[in-house]
């Protein structure tokens, strides 16, 4: 399972968000695995299944323009602003080390959440 903000549902389902960055002590997924995309931890509802392509670590500020686009159609600057909104404990200015997780949404699994 991977948690996302509700605003990411349509971006994932439309194929605009195909990558996520996470601050984890250790990876929570492996390349080749499939994870449910949810908005709430204990909920059984999910809106997509995600095939994990790969996983690697990098510093947040090393994000490229292309990768920022894969994060949901953002410019690099827009993505870093969005990061700061979502992750106030780990502001982009501190350049945290993150796990980069590219994924492919599995279309047949899309569910509509009320």
PDB file of N, CA and C in Angstrom:
ATOM      1  N   UNK A   1       0.833  -1.171   0.000  1.00  0.00           N
ATOM      2  CA  UNK A   1       0.000   0.000   0.000  1.00  0.00           C
ATOM      3  C   UNK A   1       0.887   1.248   0.000  1.00  0.00           C
ATOM      4  N   UNK A   2       0.495   2.217  -0.808  1.00  0.00           N
ATOM      5  CA  UNK A   2       1.133   3.529  -0.814  1.00  0.00           C
ATOM      6  C   UNK A   2       0.046   4.576  -0.605  1.00  0.00           C
ATOM      7  N   UNK A   3       0.291   5.484   0.325  1.00  0.00           N
ATOM      8  CA  UNK A   3      -0.663   6.553   0.606  1.00  0.00           C
ATOM      9  C   UNK A   3      -0.350   7.777  -0.238  1.00  0.00           C
ATOM     10  N   UNK A   4      -1.406   8.406  -0.732  1.00  0.00           N
ATOM     11  CA  UNK A   4      -1.298   9.635  -1.514  1.00  0.00           C
ATOM     12  C   UNK A   4      -2.349  10.616  -1.029  1.00  0.00           C
ATOM     13  N   UNK A   5      -2.120  11.878  -1.257  1.00  0.00           N
ATOM     14  CA  UNK A   5      -3.114  12.910  -0.970  1.00  0.00           C
ATOM     15  C   UNK A   5      -4.271  12.758  -1.959  1.00  0.00           C
ATOM     16  N   UNK A   6      -5.499  13.105  -1.551  1.00  0.00           N
ATOM     17  CA  UNK A   6      -6.648  12.980  -2.459  1.00  0.00           C
ATOM     18  C   UNK A   6      -6.453  13.689  -3.802  1.00  0.00           C
ATOM     19  N   UNK A   7      -5.721  14.784  -3.800  1.00  0.00           N
ATOM     20  CA  UNK A   7      -5.491  15.513  -5.052  1.00  0.00           C
ATOM     21  C   UNK A   7      -4.685  14.707  -6.074  1.00  0.00           C
ATOM     22  N   UNK A   8      -4.059  13.623  -5.645  1.00  0.00           N
ATOM     23  CA  UNK A   8      -3.253  12.802  -6.555  1.00  0.00           C
ATOM     24  C   UNK A   8      -4.059  11.706  -7.251  1.00  0.00           C
ATOM     25  N   UNK A   9      -5.291  11.463  -6.805  1.00  0.00           N
ATOM     26  CA  UNK A   9      -6.089  10.382  -7.379  1.00  0.00           C
ATOM     27  C   UNK A   9      -6.204  10.521  -8.888  1.00  0.00           C
ATOM     28  N   UNK A  10      -6.744  11.647  -9.333  1.00  0.00           N
ATOM     29  CA  UNK A  10      -6.936  11.833 -10.781  1.00  0.00           C
ATOM     30  C   UNK A  10      -5.613  11.879 -11.539  1.00  0.00           C
ATOM     31  N   UNK A  11      -4.590  12.473 -10.928  1.00  0.00           N
ATOM     32  CA  UNK A  11      -3.280  12.538 -11.585  1.00  0.00           C
ATOM     33  C   UNK A  11      -2.730  11.135 -11.833  1.00  0.00           C
ATOM     34  N   UNK A  12      -2.915  10.240 -10.870  1.00  0.00           N
ATOM     35  CA  UNK A  12      -2.467   8.856 -11.047  1.00  0.00           C
ATOM     36  C   UNK A  12      -3.331   8.150 -12.076  1.00  0.00           C
ATOM     37  N   UNK A  13      -4.644   8.295 -11.958  1.00  0.00           N
ATOM     38  CA  UNK A  13      -5.548   7.615 -12.883  1.00  0.00           C
ATOM     39  C   UNK A  13      -5.400   8.114 -14.315  1.00  0.00           C
ATOM     40  N   UNK A  14      -5.009   9.373 -14.490  1.00  0.00           N
ATOM     41  CA  UNK A  14      -4.802   9.932 -15.829  1.00  0.00           C
ATOM     42  C   UNK A  14      -3.398   9.656 -16.357  1.00  0.00           C
ATOM     43  N   UNK A  15      -2.553   9.062 -15.537  1.00  0.00           N
ATOM     44  CA  UNK A  15      -1.191   8.762 -15.963  1.00  0.00           C
ATOM     45  C   UNK A  15      -0.254   9.949 -15.897  1.00  0.00           C
ATOM     46  N   UNK A  16      -0.665  11.046 -15.247  1.00  0.00           N
ATOM     47  CA  UNK A  16       0.214  12.208 -15.105  1.00  0.00           C
ATOM     48  C   UNK A  16       1.185  12.047 -13.941  1.00  0.00           C
ATOM     49  N   UNK A  17       0.800  11.297 -12.939  1.00  0.00           N
ATOM     50  CA  UNK A  17       1.697  11.030 -11.810  1.00  0.00           C
ATOM     51  C   UNK A  17       2.137   9.579 -11.904  1.00  0.00           C
ATOM     52  N   UNK A  18       3.405   9.380 -12.208  1.00  0.00           N
ATOM     53  CA  UNK A  18       3.965   8.039 -12.369  1.00  0.00           C
ATOM     54  C   UNK A  18       5.231   7.862 -11.538  1.00  0.00           C
ATOM     55  N   UNK A  19       5.370   8.719 -10.550  1.00  0.00           N
ATOM     56  CA  UNK A  19       6.557   8.682  -9.711  1.00  0.00           C
ATOM     57  C   UNK A  19       6.208   9.329  -8.372  1.00  0.00           C
ATOM     58  N   UNK A  20       6.833   8.838  -7.314  1.00  0.00           N
ATOM     59  CA  UNK A  20       6.649   9.451  -5.998  1.00  0.00           C
ATOM     60  C   UNK A  20       7.973   9.456  -5.259  1.00  0.00           C
ATOM     61  N   UNK A  21       8.144  10.429  -4.381  1.00  0.00           N
ATOM     62  CA  UNK A  21       9.319  10.521  -3.535  1.00  0.00           C
ATOM     63  C   UNK A  21       8.868  10.375  -2.096  1.00  0.00           C
ATOM     64  N   UNK A  22       9.621   9.563  -1.354  1.00  0.00           N
ATOM     65  CA  UNK A  22       9.249   9.270   0.012  1.00  0.00           C
ATOM     66  C   UNK A  22      10.453   9.339   0.936  1.00  0.00           C
ATOM     67  N   UNK A  23      10.202   9.796   2.157  1.00  0.00           N
ATOM     68  CA  UNK A  23      11.221   9.754   3.201  1.00  0.00           C
ATOM     69  C   UNK A  23      10.921   8.519   4.042  1.00  0.00           C
ATOM     70  N   UNK A  24      11.710   7.494   3.829  1.00  0.00           N
ATOM     71  CA  UNK A  24      11.576   6.236   4.549  1.00  0.00           C
ATOM     72  C   UNK A  24      12.929   5.881   5.149  1.00  0.00           C
ATOM     73  N   UNK A  25      12.913   5.182   6.266  1.00  0.00           N
ATOM     74  CA  UNK A  25      14.168   4.673   6.823  1.00  0.00           C
ATOM     75  C   UNK A  25      14.679   3.513   5.984  1.00  0.00           C
ATOM     76  N   UNK A  26      13.741   2.728   5.452  1.00  0.00           N
ATOM     77  CA  UNK A  26      14.073   1.637   4.534  1.00  0.00           C
ATOM     78  C   UNK A  26      12.950   1.543   3.516  1.00  0.00           C
ATOM     79  N   UNK A  27      13.207   0.959   2.352  1.00  0.00           N
ATOM     80  CA  UNK A  27      12.170   0.895   1.313  1.00  0.00           C
ATOM     81  C   UNK A  27      10.934   0.141   1.782  1.00  0.00           C
ATOM     82  N   UNK A  28       9.777   0.611   1.366  1.00  0.00           N
ATOM     83  CA  UNK A  28       8.508  -0.029   1.693  1.00  0.00           C
ATOM     84  C   UNK A  28       7.942  -0.785   0.501  1.00  0.00           C
ATOM     85  N   UNK A  29       8.713  -0.890  -0.566  1.00  0.00           N
ATOM     86  CA  UNK A  29       8.276  -1.624  -1.742  1.00  0.00           C
ATOM     87  C   UNK A  29       9.509  -2.128  -2.496  1.00  0.00           C
ATOM     88  N   UNK A  30       9.273  -3.049  -3.406  1.00  0.00           N
ATOM     89  CA  UNK A  30      10.357  -3.627  -4.206  1.00  0.00           C
ATOM     90  C   UNK A  30       9.999  -3.520  -5.681  1.00  0.00           C
ATOM     91  N   UNK A  31      10.997  -3.384  -6.540  1.00  0.00           N
ATOM     92  CA  UNK A  31      10.725  -3.396  -7.977  1.00  0.00           C
ATOM     93  C   UNK A  31      10.000  -4.684  -8.368  1.00  0.00           C
ATOM     94  N   UNK A  32       8.977  -4.535  -9.195  1.00  0.00           N
ATOM     95  CA  UNK A  32       8.202  -5.682  -9.648  1.00  0.00           C
ATOM     96  C   UNK A  32       6.993  -5.992  -8.783  1.00  0.00           C
ATOM     97  N   UNK A  33       6.876  -5.328  -7.636  1.00  0.00           N
ATOM     98  CA  UNK A  33       5.724  -5.567  -6.762  1.00  0.00           C
ATOM     99  C   UNK A  33       4.551  -4.677  -7.177  1.00  0.00           C
ATOM    100  N   UNK A  34       3.377  -5.025  -6.687  1.00  0.00           N
ATOM    101  CA  UNK A  34       2.156  -4.263  -6.953  1.00  0.00           C
ATOM    102  C   UNK A  34       1.602  -3.797  -5.611  1.00  0.00           C
ATOM    103  N   UNK A  35       1.286  -2.508  -5.533  1.00  0.00           N
ATOM    104  CA  UNK A  35       0.765  -1.922  -4.296  1.00  0.00           C
ATOM    105  C   UNK A  35      -0.524  -1.166  -4.562  1.00  0.00           C
ATOM    106  N   UNK A  36      -1.434  -1.218  -3.600  1.00  0.00           N
ATOM    107  CA  UNK A  36      -2.673  -0.457  -3.698  1.00  0.00           C
ATOM    108  C   UNK A  36      -2.388   1.002  -3.370  1.00  0.00           C
ATOM    109  N   UNK A  37      -2.986   1.901  -4.133  1.00  0.00           N
ATOM    110  CA  UNK A  37      -2.893   3.341  -3.885  1.00  0.00           C
ATOM    111  C   UNK A  37      -4.120   3.752  -3.083  1.00  0.00           C
ATOM    112  N   UNK A  38      -3.875   4.323  -1.906  1.00  0.00           N
ATOM    113  CA  UNK A  38      -4.954   4.711  -1.004  1.00  0.00           C
ATOM    114  C   UNK A  38      -4.772   6.153  -0.548  1.00  0.00           C
ATOM    115  N   UNK A  39      -5.839   6.683   0.052  1.00  0.00           N
ATOM    116  CA  UNK A  39      -5.752   8.004   0.662  1.00  0.00           C
ATOM    117  C   UNK A  39      -5.807   7.931   2.186  1.00  0.00           C
ATOM    118  N   UNK A  40      -6.208   6.770   2.728  1.00  0.00           N
ATOM    119  CA  UNK A  40      -6.285   6.599   4.185  1.00  0.00           C
ATOM    120  C   UNK A  40      -5.696   5.248   4.573  1.00  0.00           C
ATOM    121  N   UNK A  41      -4.873   5.267   5.603  1.00  0.00           N
ATOM    122  CA  UNK A  41      -4.126   4.084   6.023  1.00  0.00           C
ATOM    123  C   UNK A  41      -5.005   2.864   6.286  1.00  0.00           C
ATOM    124  N   UNK A  42      -5.994   2.961   7.124  1.00  0.00           N
ATOM    125  CA  UNK A  42      -6.761   1.790   7.543  1.00  0.00           C
ATOM    126  C   UNK A  42      -7.954   1.466   6.652  1.00  0.00           C
ATOM    127  N   UNK A  43      -8.192   2.290   5.659  1.00  0.00           N
ATOM    128  CA  UNK A  43      -9.308   2.069   4.750  1.00  0.00           C
ATOM    129  C   UNK A  43      -9.045   0.862   3.849  1.00  0.00           C
ATOM    130  N   UNK A  44     -10.131   0.150   3.520  1.00  0.00           N
ATOM    131  CA  UNK A  44     -10.020  -0.946   2.549  1.00  0.00           C
ATOM    132  C   UNK A  44     -10.147  -0.423   1.122  1.00  0.00           C
ATOM    133  N   UNK A  45     -10.603   0.837   0.994  1.00  0.00           N
ATOM    134  CA  UNK A  45     -10.787   1.434  -0.331  1.00  0.00           C
ATOM    135  C   UNK A  45      -9.450   1.817  -0.939  1.00  0.00           C
ATOM    136  N   UNK A  46      -9.307   1.532  -2.204  1.00  0.00           N
ATOM    137  CA  UNK A  46      -8.148   1.989  -2.956  1.00  0.00           C
ATOM    138  C   UNK A  46      -8.630   2.398  -4.338  1.00  0.00           C
ATOM    139  N   UNK A  47      -7.870   3.258  -4.981  1.00  0.00           N
ATOM    140  CA  UNK A  47      -8.328   3.773  -6.267  1.00  0.00           C
ATOM    141  C   UNK A  47      -7.481   3.327  -7.435  1.00  0.00           C
ATOM    142  N   UNK A  48      -6.390   2.630  -7.166  1.00  0.00           N
ATOM    143  CA  UNK A  48      -5.557   2.092  -8.243  1.00  0.00           C
ATOM    144  C   UNK A  48      -4.590   1.091  -7.651  1.00  0.00           C
ATOM    145  N   UNK A  49      -4.078   0.240  -8.509  1.00  0.00           N
ATOM    146  CA  UNK A  49      -2.950  -0.592  -8.147  1.00  0.00           C
ATOM    147  C   UNK A  49      -1.763  -0.075  -8.943  1.00  0.00           C
ATOM    148  N   UNK A  50      -0.604  -0.088  -8.307  1.00  0.00           N
ATOM    149  CA  UNK A  50       0.598   0.473  -8.916  1.00  0.00           C
ATOM    150  C   UNK A  50       1.674  -0.596  -9.041  1.00  0.00           C
ATOM    151  N   UNK A  51       2.172  -0.772 -10.253  1.00  0.00           N
ATOM    152  CA  UNK A  51       3.289  -1.677 -10.497  1.00  0.00           C
ATOM    153  C   UNK A  51       4.575  -0.890 -10.274  1.00  0.00           C
ATOM    154  N   UNK A  52       5.392  -1.312  -9.329  1.00  0.00           N
ATOM    155  CA  UNK A  52       6.626  -0.603  -8.985  1.00  0.00           C
ATOM    156  C   UNK A  52       7.713  -0.967  -9.997  1.00  0.00           C
ATOM    157  N   UNK A  53       8.194   0.028 -10.713  1.00  0.00           N
ATOM    158  CA  UNK A  53       9.201  -0.188 -11.750  1.00  0.00           C
ATOM    159  C   UNK A  53      10.593  -0.337 -11.135  1.00  0.00           C
ATOM    160  N   UNK A  54      10.938   0.574 -10.240  1.00  0.00           N
ATOM    161  CA  UNK A  54      12.263   0.566  -9.623  1.00  0.00           C
ATOM    162  C   UNK A  54      12.205   1.395  -8.349  1.00  0.00           C
ATOM    163  N   UNK A  55      13.320   1.452  -7.646  1.00  0.00           N
ATOM    164  CA  UNK A  55      13.419   2.305  -6.464  1.00  0.00           C
ATOM    165  C   UNK A  55      14.888   2.654  -6.268  1.00  0.00           C
ATOM    166  N   UNK A  56      15.141   3.923  -5.993  1.00  0.00           N
ATOM    167  CA  UNK A  56      16.510   4.349  -5.704  1.00  0.00           C
ATOM    168  C   UNK A  56      16.478   5.583  -4.811  1.00  0.00           C
ATOM    169  N   UNK A  57      17.617   5.906  -4.228  1.00  0.00           N
ATOM    170  CA  UNK A  57      17.709   7.072  -3.350  1.00  0.00           C
ATOM    171  C   UNK A  57      18.404   8.215  -4.070  1.00  0.00           C
ATOM    172  N   UNK A  58      17.996   9.432  -3.728  1.00  0.00           N
ATOM    173  CA  UNK A  58      18.673  10.633  -4.192  1.00  0.00           C
ATOM    174  C   UNK A  58      18.299  11.773  -3.245  1.00  0.00           C
ATOM    175  N   UNK A  59      18.989  12.869  -3.367  1.00  0.00           N
ATOM    176  CA  UNK A  59      18.621  14.055  -2.594  1.00  0.00           C
ATOM    177  C   UNK A  59      17.500  14.781  -3.336  1.00  0.00           C
ATOM    178  N   UNK A  60      16.576  15.317  -2.575  1.00  0.00           N
ATOM    179  CA  UNK A  60      15.387  15.930  -3.154  1.00  0.00           C
ATOM    180  C   UNK A  60      15.716  16.982  -4.214  1.00  0.00           C
ATOM    181  N   UNK A  61      16.691  17.822  -3.950  1.00  0.00           N
ATOM    182  CA  UNK A  61      16.998  18.906  -4.890  1.00  0.00           C
ATOM    183  C   UNK A  61      17.677  18.419  -6.171  1.00  0.00           C
ATOM    184  N   UNK A  62      17.977  17.126  -6.252  1.00  0.00           N
ATOM    185  CA  UNK A  62      18.529  16.561  -7.487  1.00  0.00           C
ATOM    186  C   UNK A  62      17.431  16.213  -8.493  1.00  0.00           C
ATOM    187  N   UNK A  63      16.184  16.484  -8.142  1.00  0.00           N
ATOM    188  CA  UNK A  63      15.079  16.160  -9.050  1.00  0.00           C
ATOM    189  C   UNK A  63      15.235  16.930 -10.361  1.00  0.00           C
ATOM    190  N   UNK A  64      15.051  16.219 -11.457  1.00  0.00           N
ATOM    191  CA  UNK A  64      15.158  16.840 -12.783  1.00  0.00           C
ATOM    192  C   UNK A  64      13.800  17.419 -13.191  1.00  0.00           C
ATOM    193  N   UNK A  65      13.818  18.217 -14.250  1.00  0.00           N
ATOM    194  CA  UNK A  65      12.563  18.748 -14.788  1.00  0.00           C
ATOM    195  C   UNK A  65      11.651  17.598 -15.227  1.00  0.00           C
ATOM    196  N   UNK A  66      12.239  16.589 -15.864  1.00  0.00           N
ATOM    197  CA  UNK A  66      11.462  15.437 -16.332  1.00  0.00           C
ATOM    198  C   UNK A  66      10.826  14.698 -15.153  1.00  0.00           C
ATOM    199  N   UNK A  67      11.595  14.481 -14.083  1.00  0.00           N
ATOM    200  CA  UNK A  67      11.058  13.781 -12.922  1.00  0.00           C
ATOM    201  C   UNK A  67       9.984  14.605 -12.211  1.00  0.00           C
ATOM    202  N   UNK A  68      10.140  15.920 -12.168  1.00  0.00           N
ATOM    203  CA  UNK A  68       9.106  16.773 -11.571  1.00  0.00           C
ATOM    204  C   UNK A  68       7.799  16.615 -12.358  1.00  0.00           C
ATOM    205  N   UNK A  69       7.903  16.514 -13.682  1.00  0.00           N
ATOM    206  CA  UNK A  69       6.727  16.305 -14.514  1.00  0.00           C
ATOM    207  C   UNK A  69       6.074  14.964 -14.176  1.00  0.00           C
ATOM    208  N   UNK A  70       6.883  13.922 -13.953  1.00  0.00           N
ATOM    209  CA  UNK A  70       6.364  12.590 -13.602  1.00  0.00           C
ATOM    210  C   UNK A  70       5.736  12.562 -12.211  1.00  0.00           C
ATOM    211  N   UNK A  71       5.993  13.556 -11.409  1.00  0.00           N
ATOM    212  CA  UNK A  71       5.399  13.659 -10.077  1.00  0.00           C
ATOM    213  C   UNK A  71       3.969  14.201 -10.122  1.00  0.00           C
ATOM    214  N   UNK A  72       3.484  14.546 -11.296  1.00  0.00           N
ATOM    215  CA  UNK A  72       2.098  15.005 -11.399  1.00  0.00           C
ATOM    216  C   UNK A  72       1.902  16.154 -12.364  1.00  0.00           C
ATOM    217  N   UNK A  73       2.841  16.340 -13.292  1.00  0.00           N
ATOM    218  CA  UNK A  73       2.699  17.402 -14.281  1.00  0.00           C
ATOM    219  C   UNK A  73       3.200  18.747 -13.791  1.00  0.00           C
ATOM    220  N   UNK A  74       4.132  18.729 -12.846  1.00  0.00           N
ATOM    221  CA  UNK A  74       4.660  19.952 -12.268  1.00  0.00           C
ATOM    222  C   UNK A  74       5.964  20.384 -12.920  1.00  0.00           C
ATOM    223  N   UNK A  75       6.253  21.680 -12.850  1.00  0.00           N
ATOM    224  CA  UNK A  75       7.611  22.136 -13.112  1.00  0.00           C
ATOM    225  C   UNK A  75       8.427  21.772 -11.866  1.00  0.00           C
ATOM    226  N   UNK A  76       9.726  21.861 -11.957  1.00  0.00           N
ATOM    227  CA  UNK A  76      10.576  21.559 -10.798  1.00  0.00           C
ATOM    228  C   UNK A  76      10.215  22.474  -9.622  1.00  0.00           C
ATOM    229  N   UNK A  77      10.047  23.754  -9.903  1.00  0.00           N
ATOM    230  CA  UNK A  77       9.705  24.716  -8.853  1.00  0.00           C
ATOM    231  C   UNK A  77       8.335  24.415  -8.241  1.00  0.00           C
ATOM    232  N   UNK A  78       7.350  24.105  -9.078  1.00  0.00           N
ATOM    233  CA  UNK A  78       6.020  23.763  -8.577  1.00  0.00           C
ATOM    234  C   UNK A  78       6.073  22.519  -7.690  1.00  0.00           C
ATOM    235  N   UNK A  79       6.845  21.525  -8.136  1.00  0.00           N
ATOM    236  CA  UNK A  79       6.949  20.305  -7.338  1.00  0.00           C
ATOM    237  C   UNK A  79       7.564  20.592  -5.970  1.00  0.00           C
ATOM    238  N   UNK A  80       8.641  21.364  -5.944  1.00  0.00           N
ATOM    239  CA  UNK A  80       9.293  21.665  -4.668  1.00  0.00           C
ATOM    240  C   UNK A  80       8.359  22.450  -3.745  1.00  0.00           C
ATOM    241  N   UNK A  81       7.549  23.352  -4.300  1.00  0.00           N
ATOM    242  CA  UNK A  81       6.541  24.054  -3.495  1.00  0.00           C
ATOM    243  C   UNK A  81       5.493  23.084  -2.961  1.00  0.00           C
ATOM    244  N   UNK A  82       5.044  22.157  -3.808  1.00  0.00           N
ATOM    245  CA  UNK A  82       4.070  21.141  -3.392  1.00  0.00           C
ATOM    246  C   UNK A  82       4.681  20.261  -2.302  1.00  0.00           C
ATOM    247  N   UNK A  83       5.947  19.853  -2.477  1.00  0.00           N
ATOM    248  CA  UNK A  83       6.650  19.065  -1.468  1.00  0.00           C
ATOM    249  C   UNK A  83       6.608  19.781  -0.110  1.00  0.00           C
ATOM    250  N   UNK A  84       6.937  21.062  -0.123  1.00  0.00           N
ATOM    251  CA  UNK A  84       6.963  21.831   1.131  1.00  0.00           C
ATOM    252  C   UNK A  84       5.580  21.900   1.783  1.00  0.00           C
ATOM    253  N   UNK A  85       4.526  21.970   0.982  1.00  0.00           N
ATOM    254  CA  UNK A  85       3.159  21.976   1.524  1.00  0.00           C
ATOM    255  C   UNK A  85       2.818  20.639   2.186  1.00  0.00           C
ATOM    256  N   UNK A  86       3.231  19.548   1.550  1.00  0.00           N
ATOM    257  CA  UNK A  86       2.884  18.210   2.022  1.00  0.00           C
ATOM    258  C   UNK A  86       3.822  17.737   3.134  1.00  0.00           C
ATOM    259  N   UNK A  87       5.075  18.181   3.114  1.00  0.00           N
ATOM    260  CA  UNK A  87       6.103  17.676   4.031  1.00  0.00           C
ATOM    261  C   UNK A  87       6.753  18.792   4.844  1.00  0.00           C
ATOM    262  N   UNK A  88       5.991  19.473   5.685  1.00  0.00           N
ATOM    263  CA  UNK A  88       6.577  20.610   6.416  1.00  0.00           C
ATOM    264  C   UNK A  88       7.721  20.224   7.354  1.00  0.00           C
ATOM    265  N   UNK A  89       7.762  18.966   7.789  1.00  0.00           N
ATOM    266  CA  UNK A  89       8.857  18.528   8.668  1.00  0.00           C
ATOM    267  C   UNK A  89      10.168  18.300   7.912  1.00  0.00           C
ATOM    268  N   UNK A  90      10.084  18.174   6.598  1.00  0.00           N
ATOM    269  CA  UNK A  90      11.262  17.911   5.764  1.00  0.00           C
ATOM    270  C   UNK A  90      11.290  18.886   4.592  1.00  0.00           C
ATOM    271  N   UNK A  91      11.466  20.177   4.846  1.00  0.00           N
ATOM    272  CA  UNK A  91      11.398  21.162   3.761  1.00  0.00           C
ATOM    273  C   UNK A  91      12.467  20.923   2.698  1.00  0.00           C
ATOM    274  N   UNK A  92      12.133  21.294   1.484  1.00  0.00           N
ATOM    275  CA  UNK A  92      13.072  21.101   0.370  1.00  0.00           C
ATOM    276  C   UNK A  92      14.393  21.822   0.616  1.00  0.00           C
ATOM    277  N   UNK A  93      14.358  22.910   1.359  1.00  0.00           N
ATOM    278  CA  UNK A  93      15.589  23.670   1.628  1.00  0.00           C
ATOM    279  C   UNK A  93      16.625  22.856   2.401  1.00  0.00           C
ATOM    280  N   UNK A  94      16.189  21.800   3.097  1.00  0.00           N
ATOM    281  CA  UNK A  94      17.132  20.937   3.823  1.00  0.00           C
ATOM    282  C   UNK A  94      17.677  19.815   2.937  1.00  0.00           C
ATOM    283  N   UNK A  95      17.155  19.726   1.708  1.00  0.00           N
ATOM    284  CA  UNK A  95      17.602  18.749   0.719  1.00  0.00           C
ATOM    285  C   UNK A  95      17.647  17.326   1.286  1.00  0.00           C
ATOM    286  N   UNK A  96      16.513  16.833   1.797  1.00  0.00           N
ATOM    287  CA  UNK A  96      16.519  15.504   2.406  1.00  0.00           C
ATOM    288  C   UNK A  96      16.800  14.399   1.390  1.00  0.00           C
ATOM    289  N   UNK A  97      17.325  13.293   1.883  1.00  0.00           N
ATOM    290  CA  UNK A  97      17.499  12.114   1.044  1.00  0.00           C
ATOM    291  C   UNK A  97      16.150  11.407   0.966  1.00  0.00           C
ATOM    292  N   UNK A  98      15.741  11.056  -0.241  1.00  0.00           N
ATOM    293  CA  UNK A  98      14.421  10.464  -0.471  1.00  0.00           C
ATOM    294  C   UNK A  98      14.558   9.199  -1.303  1.00  0.00           C
ATOM    295  N   UNK A  99      13.572   8.339  -1.171  1.00  0.00           N
ATOM    296  CA  UNK A  99      13.447   7.210  -2.089  1.00  0.00           C
ATOM    297  C   UNK A  99      12.599   7.670  -3.263  1.00  0.00           C
ATOM    298  N   UNK A 100      13.074   7.394  -4.461  1.00  0.00           N
ATOM    299  CA  UNK A 100      12.344   7.710  -5.689  1.00  0.00           C
ATOM    300  C   UNK A 100      11.711   6.406  -6.172  1.00  0.00           C
ATOM    301  N   UNK A 101      10.392   6.436  -6.373  1.00  0.00           N
ATOM    302  CA  UNK A 101       9.645   5.234  -6.729  1.00  0.00           C
ATOM    303  C   UNK A 101       8.850   5.482  -8.011  1.00  0.00           C
ATOM    304  N   UNK A 102       9.406   5.125  -9.170  1.00  0.00           N
ATOM    305  CA  UNK A 102       8.623   5.189 -10.410  1.00  0.00           C
ATOM    306  C   UNK A 102       7.644   4.006 -10.464  1.00  0.00           C
ATOM    307  N   UNK A 103       6.446   4.253 -10.986  1.00  0.00           N
ATOM    308  CA  UNK A 103       5.438   3.201 -11.047  1.00  0.00           C
ATOM    309  C   UNK A 103       4.578   3.367 -12.284  1.00  0.00           C
ATOM    310  N   UNK A 104       3.902   2.276 -12.633  1.00  0.00           N
ATOM    311  CA  UNK A 104       2.894   2.292 -13.691  1.00  0.00           C
ATOM    312  C   UNK A 104       1.560   1.955 -13.054  1.00  0.00           C
ATOM    313  N   UNK A 105       0.539   2.802 -13.229  1.00  0.00           N
ATOM    314  CA  UNK A 105      -0.798   2.441 -12.741  1.00  0.00           C
ATOM    315  C   UNK A 105      -1.337   1.269 -13.556  1.00  0.00           C
ATOM    316  N   UNK A 106      -1.990   0.340 -12.878  1.00  0.00           N
ATOM    317  CA  UNK A 106      -2.627  -0.788 -13.552  1.00  0.00           C
ATOM    318  C   UNK A 106      -4.065  -0.369 -13.820  1.00  0.00           C
ATOM    319  N   UNK A 107      -4.361  -0.083 -15.061  1.00  0.00           N
ATOM    320  CA  UNK A 107      -5.631   0.545 -15.449  1.00  0.00           C
ATOM    321  C   UNK A 107      -6.839  -0.276 -15.033  1.00  0.00           C
ATOM    322  N   UNK A 108      -6.803  -1.576 -15.193  1.00  0.00           N
ATOM    323  CA  UNK A 108      -7.988  -2.391 -14.902  1.00  0.00           C
ATOM    324  C   UNK A 108      -8.409  -2.316 -13.438  1.00  0.00           C
ATOM    325  N   UNK A 109      -7.509  -1.833 -12.565  1.00  0.00           N
ATOM    326  CA  UNK A 109      -7.825  -1.824 -11.140  1.00  0.00           C
ATOM    327  C   UNK A 109      -8.404  -0.505 -10.639  1.00  0.00           C
ATOM    328  N   UNK A 110      -8.564   0.479 -11.506  1.00  0.00           N
ATOM    329  CA  UNK A 110      -9.060   1.764 -11.049  1.00  0.00           C
ATOM    330  C   UNK A 110     -10.438   1.633 -10.403  1.00  0.00           C
ATOM    331  N   UNK A 111     -10.598   2.306  -9.288  1.00  0.00           N
ATOM    332  CA  UNK A 111     -11.879   2.324  -8.602  1.00  0.00           C
ATOM    333  C   UNK A 111     -12.265   3.774  -8.370  1.00  0.00           C
ATOM    334  N   UNK A 112     -13.531   4.025  -8.376  1.00  0.00           N
ATOM    335  CA  UNK A 112     -14.039   5.358  -8.113  1.00  0.00           C
ATOM    336  C   UNK A 112     -14.365   5.445  -6.625  1.00  0.00           C
ATOM    337  N   UNK A 113     -13.770   6.423  -5.945  1.00  0.00           N
ATOM    338  CA  UNK A 113     -14.035   6.630  -4.531  1.00  0.00           C
ATOM    339  C   UNK A 113     -15.038   7.761  -4.371  1.00  0.00           C
ATOM    340  N   UNK A 114     -15.977   7.598  -3.478  1.00  0.00           N
ATOM    341  CA  UNK A 114     -16.950   8.661  -3.202  1.00  0.00           C
ATOM    342  C   UNK A 114     -16.346   9.699  -2.301  1.00  0.00           C
TER     343      UNK A 114
END
